[in-house]
Amino acid sequence: MINARVTVTLKNGVLDPQGKAIEGALGSLGFEGVGQVRQGKVFEVSLETTDSAEATVQLTAMCEKLLANTVIENYAVEIL
């Protein structure tokens, strides 16, 4: 079995209202020096294979078809 992590983030230049809200909230809570916050999402995926190359192919297909909106998001696949 292979465990993996997929991290999806907004591409540079895409507005991130949730990140801006978090940035403002951190300032309100007294955290100083926070320049910019960008939000994203993380998926932990277990695959029933022992072949990391095959797992990477499957995870990439999952990202392209469902996990990421590739028009506005980037993704990174990490085999753990």
Protein backbone atom coordinates (compact mmCIF):
# COMPACT_ATOMS: atom_id res chain seq x y z
CA MET A 1 0.00 0.00 0.00
CA ILE A 2 1.23 3.48 -0.85
CA ASN A 3 0.26 6.59 1.08
CA ALA A 4 0.40 9.94 -0.63
CA ARG A 5 -0.33 13.59 -0.05
CA VAL A 6 -1.80 15.88 -2.69
CA THR A 7 -1.56 19.62 -2.05
CA VAL A 8 -3.75 21.94 -4.10
CA THR A 9 -3.17 25.70 -4.11
CA LEU A 10 -4.48 28.64 -6.08
CA LYS A 11 -2.29 29.80 -8.94
CA ASN A 12 -0.48 33.12 -8.56
CA GLY A 13 -2.69 35.97 -9.69
CA VAL A 14 -5.94 34.24 -8.71
CA LEU A 15 -7.82 36.21 -6.06
CA ASP A 16 -8.00 34.43 -2.70
CA PRO A 17 -10.76 35.99 -0.56
CA GLN A 18 -10.53 33.26 2.08
CA GLY A 19 -6.79 33.84 2.43
CA LYS A 20 -7.42 37.59 2.78
CA ALA A 21 -10.03 36.94 5.50
CA ILE A 22 -7.59 34.70 7.39
CA GLU A 23 -4.87 37.32 6.99
CA GLY A 24 -7.16 39.98 8.52
CA ALA A 25 -8.24 37.67 11.34
CA LEU A 26 -4.64 36.90 12.25
CA GLY A 27 -3.94 40.63 12.50
CA SER A 28 -7.03 41.08 14.70
CA LEU A 29 -5.74 38.33 16.98
CA GLY A 30 -2.47 40.18 17.48
CA PHE A 31 -0.22 38.25 15.09
CA GLU A 32 2.00 40.93 13.60
CA GLY A 33 4.18 40.74 10.52
CA VAL A 34 1.93 38.41 8.50
CA GLY A 35 2.47 39.58 4.92
CA GLN A 36 0.15 37.36 2.92
CA VAL A 37 -1.95 34.26 3.48
CA ARG A 38 -3.04 31.93 0.67
CA GLN A 39 -5.38 29.05 1.43
CA GLY A 40 -5.34 25.63 -0.14
CA LYS A 41 -6.37 22.06 0.50
CA VAL A 42 -4.57 18.81 1.30
CA PHE A 43 -5.71 15.28 0.46
CA GLU A 44 -4.27 12.18 2.14
CA VAL A 45 -4.74 9.21 -0.21
CA SER A 46 -3.96 5.51 0.29
CA LEU A 47 -3.60 3.40 -2.83
CA GLU A 48 -3.58 -0.39 -2.99
CA THR A 49 -0.37 -0.63 -4.98
CA THR A 50 3.32 -0.97 -4.20
CA ASP A 51 4.48 0.71 -7.41
CA SER A 52 5.20 4.38 -6.73
CA ALA A 53 5.34 5.23 -10.44
CA GLU A 54 1.86 3.77 -10.96
CA ALA A 55 0.62 5.59 -7.85
CA THR A 56 1.94 8.88 -9.22
CA VAL A 57 0.16 8.28 -12.53
CA GLN A 58 -3.11 7.52 -10.72
CA LEU A 59 -2.82 10.52 -8.40
CA THR A 60 -2.05 12.84 -11.29
CA ALA A 61 -5.15 11.58 -13.11
CA MET A 62 -7.22 12.14 -9.95
CA CYS A 63 -5.97 15.71 -9.75
CA GLU A 64 -6.63 16.42 -13.41
CA LYS A 65 -10.17 14.97 -13.25
CA LEU A 66 -11.44 15.84 -9.77
CA LEU A 67 -9.16 17.06 -7.00
CA ALA A 68 -7.94 20.28 -8.64
CA ASN A 69 -9.47 22.86 -10.94
CA THR A 70 -6.41 23.14 -13.16
CA VAL A 71 -7.62 26.41 -14.67
CA ILE A 72 -7.06 28.24 -11.37
CA GLU A 73 -5.21 25.73 -9.16
CA ASN A 74 -1.81 24.04 -9.04
CA TYR A 75 -1.26 20.68 -7.41
CA ALA A 76 1.68 18.73 -6.05
CA VAL A 77 1.79 14.95 -5.49
CA GLU A 78 4.03 13.53 -2.75
CA ILE A 79 4.51 9.82 -2.13
CA LEU A 80 4.97 9.33 1.62
